[in-house]
């Protein structure tokens, strides 16, 4: 069994990973981090800085995956990681379909702050369009 867990730097995402590891100890957990180009800091010269911005986001993903590996190890579950670029809701659904995972476990909302309301729509988008069952963790 494979369970897809989208990861960002939010507490609900961490709780989703914890839930998946605890409730599905025999599954392989596939942690995916979506780099949303729409959230990268753009400004004058941003076209030239895109590669640097993308690299910084990939470094952030690597840190998230290190934390995920520690959690997976503590629960003795198998973990795979993947980073992709695109709109989070669409990418999660497409990844689940392409990878043929058995379930998605997702945090109820993403990053905190002003973007919190908008990012809560990612979980809703995934729940409505997913080809597999979705568990939303608060």
C-alpha atoms as a PDB file:
ATOM      1  CA  UNK A   1       0.000   0.000   0.000  1.00  0.00           C
ATOM      2  CA  UNK A   2       1.230   3.492  -0.872  1.00  0.00           C
ATOM      3  CA  UNK A   3       0.014   6.621   0.873  1.00  0.00           C
ATOM      4  CA  UNK A   4       0.674  10.069  -0.539  1.00  0.00           C
ATOM      5  CA  UNK A   5       1.301  12.831   2.004  1.00  0.00           C
ATOM      6  CA  UNK A   6       1.763  16.360   0.610  1.00  0.00           C
ATOM      7  CA  UNK A   7       4.255  18.295   2.743  1.00  0.00           C
ATOM      8  CA  UNK A   8       4.776  21.986   3.261  1.00  0.00           C
ATOM      9  CA  UNK A   9       6.167  23.749   6.327  1.00  0.00           C
ATOM     10  CA  UNK A  10       2.834  23.771   8.169  1.00  0.00           C
ATOM     11  CA  UNK A  11       1.831  22.006  11.358  1.00  0.00           C
ATOM     12  CA  UNK A  12      -1.200  20.300   9.710  1.00  0.00           C
ATOM     13  CA  UNK A  13       1.146  18.774   7.099  1.00  0.00           C
ATOM     14  CA  UNK A  14       3.369  17.406   9.872  1.00  0.00           C
ATOM     15  CA  UNK A  15       0.306  16.045  11.641  1.00  0.00           C
ATOM     16  CA  UNK A  16      -0.847  14.397   8.394  1.00  0.00           C
ATOM     17  CA  UNK A  17       2.531  12.671   8.087  1.00  0.00           C
ATOM     18  CA  UNK A  18       2.375  11.579  11.728  1.00  0.00           C
ATOM     19  CA  UNK A  19      -1.169  10.251  11.220  1.00  0.00           C
ATOM     20  CA  UNK A  20      -0.193   8.305   8.094  1.00  0.00           C
ATOM     21  CA  UNK A  21       2.823   6.741   9.820  1.00  0.00           C
ATOM     22  CA  UNK A  22       0.829   5.852  12.935  1.00  0.00           C
ATOM     23  CA  UNK A  23      -2.312   4.547  11.229  1.00  0.00           C
ATOM     24  CA  UNK A  24      -0.660   2.765   8.284  1.00  0.00           C
ATOM     25  CA  UNK A  25       2.567   1.248   9.652  1.00  0.00           C
ATOM     26  CA  UNK A  26       2.879  -1.295   6.828  1.00  0.00           C
ATOM     27  CA  UNK A  27       2.429   1.234   4.026  1.00  0.00           C
ATOM     28  CA  UNK A  28       5.053   3.048   2.011  1.00  0.00           C
ATOM     29  CA  UNK A  29       4.588   6.760   2.573  1.00  0.00           C
ATOM     30  CA  UNK A  30       5.317   8.969  -0.410  1.00  0.00           C
ATOM     31  CA  UNK A  31       5.942  12.528   0.771  1.00  0.00           C
ATOM     32  CA  UNK A  32       5.580  15.089  -1.995  1.00  0.00           C
ATOM     33  CA  UNK A  33       6.465  18.769  -1.800  1.00  0.00           C
ATOM     34  CA  UNK A  34       4.965  21.014  -4.447  1.00  0.00           C
ATOM     35  CA  UNK A  35       6.894  24.145  -5.326  1.00  0.00           C
ATOM     36  CA  UNK A  36       4.285  26.682  -6.373  1.00  0.00           C
ATOM     37  CA  UNK A  37       5.880  29.209  -8.732  1.00  0.00           C
ATOM     38  CA  UNK A  38       3.102  31.630  -7.819  1.00  0.00           C
ATOM     39  CA  UNK A  39       4.420  31.923  -4.269  1.00  0.00           C
ATOM     40  CA  UNK A  40       8.042  32.580  -5.151  1.00  0.00           C
ATOM     41  CA  UNK A  41       9.148  36.139  -4.453  1.00  0.00           C
ATOM     42  CA  UNK A  42       9.170  37.952  -7.755  1.00  0.00           C
ATOM     43  CA  UNK A  43      10.471  41.417  -8.372  1.00  0.00           C
ATOM     44  CA  UNK A  44      12.553  43.335 -10.824  1.00  0.00           C
ATOM     45  CA  UNK A  45      14.884  40.911 -12.547  1.00  0.00           C
ATOM     46  CA  UNK A  46      12.890  37.908 -11.375  1.00  0.00           C
ATOM     47  CA  UNK A  47      13.093  36.246 -14.773  1.00  0.00           C
ATOM     48  CA  UNK A  48      16.831  36.015 -14.228  1.00  0.00           C
ATOM     49  CA  UNK A  49      16.457  34.939 -10.607  1.00  0.00           C
ATOM     50  CA  UNK A  50      13.989  32.093 -11.264  1.00  0.00           C
ATOM     51  CA  UNK A  51      16.678  29.405 -11.079  1.00  0.00           C
ATOM     52  CA  UNK A  52      18.004  30.803  -7.796  1.00  0.00           C
ATOM     53  CA  UNK A  53      14.493  31.034  -6.353  1.00  0.00           C
ATOM     54  CA  UNK A  54      13.748  27.465  -7.447  1.00  0.00           C
ATOM     55  CA  UNK A  55      16.989  26.242  -5.906  1.00  0.00           C
ATOM     56  CA  UNK A  56      16.102  27.922  -2.590  1.00  0.00           C
ATOM     57  CA  UNK A  57      12.695  26.215  -2.654  1.00  0.00           C
ATOM     58  CA  UNK A  58      14.343  22.862  -3.362  1.00  0.00           C
ATOM     59  CA  UNK A  59      16.662  23.373  -0.384  1.00  0.00           C
ATOM     60  CA  UNK A  60      13.589  24.067   1.770  1.00  0.00           C
ATOM     61  CA  UNK A  61      12.045  20.823   0.483  1.00  0.00           C
ATOM     62  CA  UNK A  62      15.207  18.910   1.414  1.00  0.00           C
ATOM     63  CA  UNK A  63      14.901  20.173   5.000  1.00  0.00           C
ATOM     64  CA  UNK A  64      11.247  19.109   5.126  1.00  0.00           C
ATOM     65  CA  UNK A  65      12.220  15.669   3.851  1.00  0.00           C
ATOM     66  CA  UNK A  66      14.933  15.336   6.518  1.00  0.00           C
ATOM     67  CA  UNK A  67      12.296  15.949   9.197  1.00  0.00           C
ATOM     68  CA  UNK A  68       9.954  13.495   7.436  1.00  0.00           C
ATOM     69  CA  UNK A  69      12.697  10.851   7.362  1.00  0.00           C
ATOM     70  CA  UNK A  70      13.241  11.251  11.108  1.00  0.00           C
ATOM     71  CA  UNK A  71       9.522  10.803  11.753  1.00  0.00           C
ATOM     72  CA  UNK A  72       9.312   7.786   9.425  1.00  0.00           C
ATOM     73  CA  UNK A  73      12.314   6.216  11.121  1.00  0.00           C
ATOM     74  CA  UNK A  74      10.757   6.755  14.557  1.00  0.00           C
ATOM     75  CA  UNK A  75       7.649   4.886  13.355  1.00  0.00           C
ATOM     76  CA  UNK A  76       9.658   2.318  11.384  1.00  0.00           C
ATOM     77  CA  UNK A  77       7.804   3.034   8.131  1.00  0.00           C
ATOM     78  CA  UNK A  78       9.129   3.222   4.600  1.00  0.00           C
ATOM     79  CA  UNK A  79       9.391   6.733   3.143  1.00  0.00           C
ATOM     80  CA  UNK A  80       9.935   7.973  -0.387  1.00  0.00           C
ATOM     81  CA  UNK A  81      10.166  11.660  -1.285  1.00  0.00           C
ATOM     82  CA  UNK A  82       9.437  13.670  -4.395  1.00  0.00           C
ATOM     83  CA  UNK A  83       9.494  17.358  -5.310  1.00  0.00           C
ATOM     84  CA  UNK A  84       7.544  18.802  -8.206  1.00  0.00           C
ATOM     85  CA  UNK A  85       6.714  22.271  -9.501  1.00  0.00           C
ATOM     86  CA  UNK A  86       3.194  23.517 -10.219  1.00  0.00           C
ATOM     87  CA  UNK A  87      -0.170  24.390  -8.690  1.00  0.00           C
ATOM     88  CA  UNK A  88      -0.404  22.332  -5.481  1.00  0.00           C
ATOM     89  CA  UNK A  89      -3.956  20.977  -5.815  1.00  0.00           C
ATOM     90  CA  UNK A  90      -3.517  19.944  -9.425  1.00  0.00           C
ATOM     91  CA  UNK A  91      -0.072  18.468  -8.876  1.00  0.00           C
ATOM     92  CA  UNK A  92      -1.179  16.387  -5.882  1.00  0.00           C
ATOM     93  CA  UNK A  93      -4.135  14.896  -7.782  1.00  0.00           C
ATOM     94  CA  UNK A  94      -2.013  14.257 -10.888  1.00  0.00           C
ATOM     95  CA  UNK A  95       0.765  12.690  -8.815  1.00  0.00           C
ATOM     96  CA  UNK A  96      -1.722  10.395  -7.042  1.00  0.00           C
ATOM     97  CA  UNK A  97      -3.170   9.314 -10.375  1.00  0.00           C
ATOM     98  CA  UNK A  98       0.177   8.778 -12.107  1.00  0.00           C
ATOM     99  CA  UNK A  99       1.768   7.007  -9.151  1.00  0.00           C
ATOM    100  CA  UNK A 100      -1.386   4.932  -8.514  1.00  0.00           C
ATOM    101  CA  UNK A 101      -1.275   5.508  -4.750  1.00  0.00           C
ATOM    102  CA  UNK A 102      -3.938   3.943  -2.547  1.00  0.00           C
ATOM    103  CA  UNK A 103      -4.791   6.974  -0.401  1.00  0.00           C
ATOM    104  CA  UNK A 104      -3.916  10.621   0.173  1.00  0.00           C
ATOM    105  CA  UNK A 105      -3.468  11.962   3.700  1.00  0.00           C
ATOM    106  CA  UNK A 106      -3.372  15.764   3.679  1.00  0.00           C
ATOM    107  CA  UNK A 107      -3.340  18.531   6.269  1.00  0.00           C
ATOM    108  CA  UNK A 108      -6.536  20.558   6.515  1.00  0.00           C
ATOM    109  CA  UNK A 109      -4.737  23.765   5.557  1.00  0.00           C
ATOM    110  CA  UNK A 110      -1.244  24.800   4.578  1.00  0.00           C
ATOM    111  CA  UNK A 111       1.050  27.530   5.690  1.00  0.00           C
ATOM    112  CA  UNK A 112      -0.148  29.956   8.319  1.00  0.00           C
ATOM    113  CA  UNK A 113      -0.536  33.693   7.945  1.00  0.00           C
ATOM    114  CA  UNK A 114      -2.331  35.612   5.231  1.00  0.00           C
ATOM    115  CA  UNK A 115      -2.163  32.739   2.743  1.00  0.00           C
ATOM    116  CA  UNK A 116      -3.820  30.291   5.154  1.00  0.00           C
ATOM    117  CA  UNK A 117      -7.342  30.805   3.793  1.00  0.00           C
ATOM    118  CA  UNK A 118      -6.276  30.307   0.186  1.00  0.00           C
ATOM    119  CA  UNK A 119      -4.158  27.269   0.926  1.00  0.00           C
ATOM    120  CA  UNK A 120      -7.040  25.598   2.742  1.00  0.00           C
ATOM    121  CA  UNK A 121      -8.582  25.338  -0.692  1.00  0.00           C
ATOM    122  CA  UNK A 122      -5.833  22.878  -1.691  1.00  0.00           C
ATOM    123  CA  UNK A 123      -7.223  20.201   0.631  1.00  0.00           C
ATOM    124  CA  UNK A 124     -10.713  20.859  -0.716  1.00  0.00           C
ATOM    125  CA  UNK A 125      -9.500  20.664  -4.328  1.00  0.00           C
ATOM    126  CA  UNK A 126      -7.727  17.369  -3.619  1.00  0.00           C
ATOM    127  CA  UNK A 127     -10.723  15.897  -1.791  1.00  0.00           C
ATOM    128  CA  UNK A 128     -13.065  16.755  -4.667  1.00  0.00           C
ATOM    129  CA  UNK A 129     -10.849  15.598  -7.533  1.00  0.00           C
ATOM    130  CA  UNK A 130      -8.766  12.776  -6.112  1.00  0.00           C
ATOM    131  CA  UNK A 131      -8.935   9.391  -7.848  1.00  0.00           C
ATOM    132  CA  UNK A 132      -8.389   7.701  -4.448  1.00  0.00           C
ATOM    133  CA  UNK A 133      -9.774   8.131  -0.901  1.00  0.00           C
ATOM    134  CA  UNK A 134      -8.567  11.238   0.947  1.00  0.00           C
ATOM    135  CA  UNK A 135      -8.078  11.657   4.676  1.00  0.00           C
ATOM    136  CA  UNK A 136      -7.938  15.287   5.840  1.00  0.00           C
ATOM    137  CA  UNK A 137      -6.078  15.749   9.120  1.00  0.00           C
ATOM    138  CA  UNK A 138      -6.686  18.782  11.336  1.00  0.00           C
END
